[in-house]
Amino acid sequence: MWTAVYITQSRSLADQLQKRLLAEGLLAKLKYVGDKRNPVRNFEIVVPESESS
């Protein structure tokens, strides 16, 4: 299972945070959260539950 550790509306900030987590040796990926009909975009940075404790 994956756990969200940060949510942002900025894709560039999400990319920066993901790169920082990867540089620290944590497995991290971005997940788009939203509805195509809704103009608000959110990106979750998610990590495996085993790494979020």
PDB file of N, CA and C in Angstrom:
ATOM      1  N   MET A   1       0.844  -1.178   0.000  1.00  0.00           N
ATOM      2  CA  MET A   1       0.000   0.000   0.000  1.00  0.00           C
ATOM      3  C   MET A   1       0.888   1.239   0.000  1.00  0.00           C
ATOM      4  N   TRP A   2       0.386   2.283  -0.631  1.00  0.00           N
ATOM      5  CA  TRP A   2       1.080   3.563  -0.701  1.00  0.00           C
ATOM      6  C   TRP A   2       0.368   4.578   0.193  1.00  0.00           C
ATOM      7  N   THR A   3       1.149   5.466   0.785  1.00  0.00           N
ATOM      8  CA  THR A   3       0.626   6.490   1.681  1.00  0.00           C
ATOM      9  C   THR A   3       1.039   7.872   1.174  1.00  0.00           C
ATOM     10  N   ALA A   4       0.074   8.789   1.133  1.00  0.00           N
ATOM     11  CA  ALA A   4       0.377  10.157   0.730  1.00  0.00           C
ATOM     12  C   ALA A   4       1.132  10.856   1.851  1.00  0.00           C
ATOM     13  N   VAL A   5       2.251  11.494   1.497  1.00  0.00           N
ATOM     14  CA  VAL A   5       3.020  12.239   2.491  1.00  0.00           C
ATOM     15  C   VAL A   5       2.955  13.739   2.241  1.00  0.00           C
ATOM     16  N   TYR A   6       2.471  14.142   1.062  1.00  0.00           N
ATOM     17  CA  TYR A   6       2.346  15.564   0.751  1.00  0.00           C
ATOM     18  C   TYR A   6       1.372  15.733  -0.400  1.00  0.00           C
ATOM     19  N   ILE A   7       0.597  16.803  -0.364  1.00  0.00           N
ATOM     20  CA  ILE A   7      -0.343  17.118  -1.449  1.00  0.00           C
ATOM     21  C   ILE A   7      -0.108  18.567  -1.848  1.00  0.00           C
ATOM     22  N   THR A   8      -0.012  18.805  -3.150  1.00  0.00           N
ATOM     23  CA  THR A   8       0.201  20.153  -3.659  1.00  0.00           C
ATOM     24  C   THR A   8      -0.549  20.345  -4.974  1.00  0.00           C
ATOM     25  N   GLN A   9      -0.831  21.591  -5.302  1.00  0.00           N
ATOM     26  CA  GLN A   9      -1.454  21.905  -6.586  1.00  0.00           C
ATOM     27  C   GLN A   9      -0.402  22.201  -7.649  1.00  0.00           C
ATOM     28  N   SER A  10       0.839  22.322  -7.251  1.00  0.00           N
ATOM     29  CA  SER A  10       1.922  22.678  -8.163  1.00  0.00           C
ATOM     30  C   SER A  10       2.657  21.434  -8.650  1.00  0.00           C
ATOM     31  N   ARG A  11       2.640  21.207  -9.949  1.00  0.00           N
ATOM     32  CA  ARG A  11       3.350  20.060 -10.506  1.00  0.00           C
ATOM     33  C   ARG A  11       4.855  20.210 -10.306  1.00  0.00           C
ATOM     34  N   SER A  12       5.368  21.431 -10.468  1.00  0.00           N
ATOM     35  CA  SER A  12       6.816  21.626 -10.317  1.00  0.00           C
ATOM     36  C   SER A  12       7.264  21.354  -8.878  1.00  0.00           C
ATOM     37  N   LEU A  13       6.470  21.779  -7.893  1.00  0.00           N
ATOM     38  CA  LEU A  13       6.811  21.492  -6.495  1.00  0.00           C
ATOM     39  C   LEU A  13       6.741  19.991  -6.232  1.00  0.00           C
ATOM     40  N   ALA A  14       5.744  19.331  -6.778  1.00  0.00           N
ATOM     41  CA  ALA A  14       5.624  17.880  -6.607  1.00  0.00           C
ATOM     42  C   ALA A  14       6.841  17.170  -7.189  1.00  0.00           C
ATOM     43  N   ASP A  15       7.296  17.614  -8.358  1.00  0.00           N
ATOM     44  CA  ASP A  15       8.489  17.016  -8.972  1.00  0.00           C
ATOM     45  C   ASP A  15       9.726  17.234  -8.105  1.00  0.00           C
ATOM     46  N   GLN A  16       9.877  18.449  -7.562  1.00  0.00           N
ATOM     47  CA  GLN A  16      11.028  18.749  -6.708  1.00  0.00           C
ATOM     48  C   GLN A  16      11.037  17.880  -5.455  1.00  0.00           C
ATOM     49  N   LEU A  17       9.875  17.744  -4.829  1.00  0.00           N
ATOM     50  CA  LEU A  17       9.792  16.928  -3.618  1.00  0.00           C
ATOM     51  C   LEU A  17      10.073  15.462  -3.904  1.00  0.00           C
ATOM     52  N   GLN A  18       9.552  14.976  -5.025  1.00  0.00           N
ATOM     53  CA  GLN A  18       9.809  13.586  -5.393  1.00  0.00           C
ATOM     54  C   GLN A  18      11.306  13.363  -5.615  1.00  0.00           C
ATOM     55  N   LYS A  19      11.960  14.267  -6.315  1.00  0.00           N
ATOM     56  CA  LYS A  19      13.402  14.134  -6.563  1.00  0.00           C
ATOM     57  C   LYS A  19      14.193  14.154  -5.259  1.00  0.00           C
ATOM     58  N   ARG A  20      13.775  15.011  -4.323  1.00  0.00           N
ATOM     59  CA  ARG A  20      14.474  15.073  -3.041  1.00  0.00           C
ATOM     60  C   ARG A  20      14.321  13.766  -2.264  1.00  0.00           C
ATOM     61  N   LEU A  21      13.110  13.215  -2.254  1.00  0.00           N
ATOM     62  CA  LEU A  21      12.895  11.939  -1.559  1.00  0.00           C
ATOM     63  C   LEU A  21      13.707  10.819  -2.208  1.00  0.00           C
ATOM     64  N   LEU A  22      13.729  10.790  -3.535  1.00  0.00           N
ATOM     65  CA  LEU A  22      14.509   9.770  -4.239  1.00  0.00           C
ATOM     66  C   LEU A  22      15.997   9.919  -3.944  1.00  0.00           C
ATOM     67  N   ALA A  23      16.474  11.163  -3.862  1.00  0.00           N
ATOM     68  CA  ALA A  23      17.890  11.409  -3.552  1.00  0.00           C
ATOM     69  C   ALA A  23      18.243  10.917  -2.149  1.00  0.00           C
ATOM     70  N   GLU A  24      17.270  10.925  -1.245  1.00  0.00           N
ATOM     71  CA  GLU A  24      17.478  10.438   0.122  1.00  0.00           C
ATOM     72  C   GLU A  24      17.303   8.925   0.234  1.00  0.00           C
ATOM     73  N   GLY A  25      17.016   8.271  -0.873  1.00  0.00           N
ATOM     74  CA  GLY A  25      16.902   6.815  -0.879  1.00  0.00           C
ATOM     75  C   GLY A  25      15.501   6.286  -0.614  1.00  0.00           C
ATOM     76  N   LEU A  26      14.499   7.158  -0.650  1.00  0.00           N
ATOM     77  CA  LEU A  26      13.125   6.719  -0.432  1.00  0.00           C
ATOM     78  C   LEU A  26      12.425   6.493  -1.770  1.00  0.00           C
ATOM     79  N   LEU A  27      11.674   5.449  -1.850  1.00  0.00           N
ATOM     80  CA  LEU A  27      10.873   5.187  -3.025  1.00  0.00           C
ATOM     81  C   LEU A  27       9.672   6.117  -2.985  1.00  0.00           C
ATOM     82  N   ALA A  28       9.498   6.928  -4.030  1.00  0.00           N
ATOM     83  CA  ALA A  28       8.404   7.899  -4.047  1.00  0.00           C
ATOM     84  C   ALA A  28       7.877   8.030  -5.466  1.00  0.00           C
ATOM     85  N   LYS A  29       6.579   8.274  -5.569  1.00  0.00           N
ATOM     86  CA  LYS A  29       6.003   8.522  -6.889  1.00  0.00           C
ATOM     87  C   LYS A  29       4.902   9.569  -6.770  1.00  0.00           C
ATOM     88  N   LEU A  30       4.566  10.153  -7.911  1.00  0.00           N
ATOM     89  CA  LEU A  30       3.516  11.163  -7.962  1.00  0.00           C
ATOM     90  C   LEU A  30       2.215  10.519  -8.378  1.00  0.00           C
ATOM     91  N   LYS A  31       1.147  11.016  -7.802  1.00  0.00           N
ATOM     92  CA  LYS A  31      -0.185  10.525  -8.146  1.00  0.00           C
ATOM     93  C   LYS A  31      -1.075  11.738  -8.396  1.00  0.00           C
ATOM     94  N   TYR A  32      -1.651  11.804  -9.586  1.00  0.00           N
ATOM     95  CA  TYR A  32      -2.576  12.884  -9.911  1.00  0.00           C
ATOM     96  C   TYR A  32      -3.898  12.593  -9.235  1.00  0.00           C
ATOM     97  N   VAL A  33      -4.436  13.581  -8.545  1.00  0.00           N
ATOM     98  CA  VAL A  33      -5.709  13.429  -7.853  1.00  0.00           C
ATOM     99  C   VAL A  33      -6.626  14.534  -8.349  1.00  0.00           C
ATOM    100  N   GLY A  34      -7.713  14.165  -8.917  1.00  0.00           N
ATOM    101  CA  GLY A  34      -8.639  15.189  -9.375  1.00  0.00           C
ATOM    102  C   GLY A  34      -9.617  14.633 -10.388  1.00  0.00           C
ATOM    103  N   ASP A  35     -10.373  15.527 -10.887  1.00  0.00           N
ATOM    104  CA  ASP A  35     -11.418  15.214 -11.847  1.00  0.00           C
ATOM    105  C   ASP A  35     -11.170  16.059 -13.083  1.00  0.00           C
ATOM    106  N   LYS A  36     -11.244  15.472 -14.249  1.00  0.00           N
ATOM    107  CA  LYS A  36     -10.990  16.220 -15.478  1.00  0.00           C
ATOM    108  C   LYS A  36     -11.961  17.384 -15.650  1.00  0.00           C
ATOM    109  N   ARG A  37     -13.113  17.307 -15.030  1.00  0.00           N
ATOM    110  CA  ARG A  37     -14.092  18.396 -15.121  1.00  0.00           C
ATOM    111  C   ARG A  37     -13.789  19.523 -14.156  1.00  0.00           C
ATOM    112  N   ASN A  38     -12.982  19.257 -13.157  1.00  0.00           N
ATOM    113  CA  ASN A  38     -12.647  20.251 -12.135  1.00  0.00           C
ATOM    114  C   ASN A  38     -11.292  20.874 -12.478  1.00  0.00           C
ATOM    115  N   PRO A  39     -11.205  22.197 -12.581  1.00  0.00           N
ATOM    116  CA  PRO A  39      -9.938  22.825 -12.969  1.00  0.00           C
ATOM    117  C   PRO A  39      -8.843  22.747 -11.900  1.00  0.00           C
ATOM    118  N   VAL A  40      -9.188  22.389 -10.666  1.00  0.00           N
ATOM    119  CA  VAL A  40      -8.192  22.294  -9.598  1.00  0.00           C
ATOM    120  C   VAL A  40      -7.488  20.950  -9.710  1.00  0.00           C
ATOM    121  N   ARG A  41      -6.172  21.015  -9.837  1.00  0.00           N
ATOM    122  CA  ARG A  41      -5.373  19.792  -9.909  1.00  0.00           C
ATOM    123  C   ARG A  41      -4.615  19.625  -8.603  1.00  0.00           C
ATOM    124  N   ASN A  42      -4.555  18.437  -8.129  1.00  0.00           N
ATOM    125  CA  ASN A  42      -3.767  18.119  -6.948  1.00  0.00           C
ATOM    126  C   ASN A  42      -2.848  16.959  -7.278  1.00  0.00           C
ATOM    127  N   PHE A  43      -1.659  17.022  -6.741  1.00  0.00           N
ATOM    128  CA  PHE A  43      -0.693  15.950  -6.905  1.00  0.00           C
ATOM    129  C   PHE A  43      -0.307  15.454  -5.525  1.00  0.00           C
ATOM    130  N   GLU A  44      -0.368  14.156  -5.353  1.00  0.00           N
ATOM    131  CA  GLU A  44       0.069  13.538  -4.104  1.00  0.00           C
ATOM    132  C   GLU A  44       1.461  12.965  -4.305  1.00  0.00           C
ATOM    133  N   ILE A  45       2.315  13.158  -3.339  1.00  0.00           N
ATOM    134  CA  ILE A  45       3.582  12.449  -3.304  1.00  0.00           C
ATOM    135  C   ILE A  45       3.324  11.265  -2.386  1.00  0.00           C
ATOM    136  N   VAL A  46       3.483  10.078  -2.927  1.00  0.00           N
ATOM    137  CA  VAL A  46       3.176   8.870  -2.159  1.00  0.00           C
ATOM    138  C   VAL A  46       4.425   8.017  -1.989  1.00  0.00           C
ATOM    139  N   VAL A  47       4.497   7.369  -0.847  1.00  0.00           N
ATOM    140  CA  VAL A  47       5.584   6.444  -0.532  1.00  0.00           C
ATOM    141  C   VAL A  47       4.969   5.155   0.007  1.00  0.00           C
ATOM    142  N   PRO A  48       5.699   4.050  -0.075  1.00  0.00           N
ATOM    143  CA  PRO A  48       5.185   2.811   0.513  1.00  0.00           C
ATOM    144  C   PRO A  48       4.969   2.992   2.021  1.00  0.00           C
ATOM    145  N   GLU A  49       3.959   2.350   2.537  1.00  0.00           N
ATOM    146  CA  GLU A  49       3.663   2.453   3.974  1.00  0.00           C
ATOM    147  C   GLU A  49       4.879   2.097   4.829  1.00  0.00           C
ATOM    148  N   SER A  50       5.670   1.145   4.370  1.00  0.00           N
ATOM    149  CA  SER A  50       6.841   0.732   5.144  1.00  0.00           C
ATOM    150  C   SER A  50       7.867   1.844   5.277  1.00  0.00           C
ATOM    151  N   GLU A  51       7.854   2.824   4.374  1.00  0.00           N
ATOM    152  CA  GLU A  51       8.804   3.923   4.420  1.00  0.00           C
ATOM    153  C   GLU A  51       8.208   5.174   5.051  1.00  0.00           C
ATOM    154  N   SER A  52       6.923   5.170   5.356  1.00  0.00           N
ATOM    155  CA  SER A  52       6.286   6.375   5.885  1.00  0.00           C
ATOM    156  C   SER A  52       6.288   6.449   7.405  1.00  0.00           C
ATOM    157  N   SER A  53       6.718   5.411   8.070  1.00  0.00           N
ATOM    158  CA  SER A  53       6.701   5.407   9.548  1.00  0.00           C
ATOM    159  C   SER A  53       7.882   6.154  10.118  1.00  0.00           C
TER     160      SER A  53
END
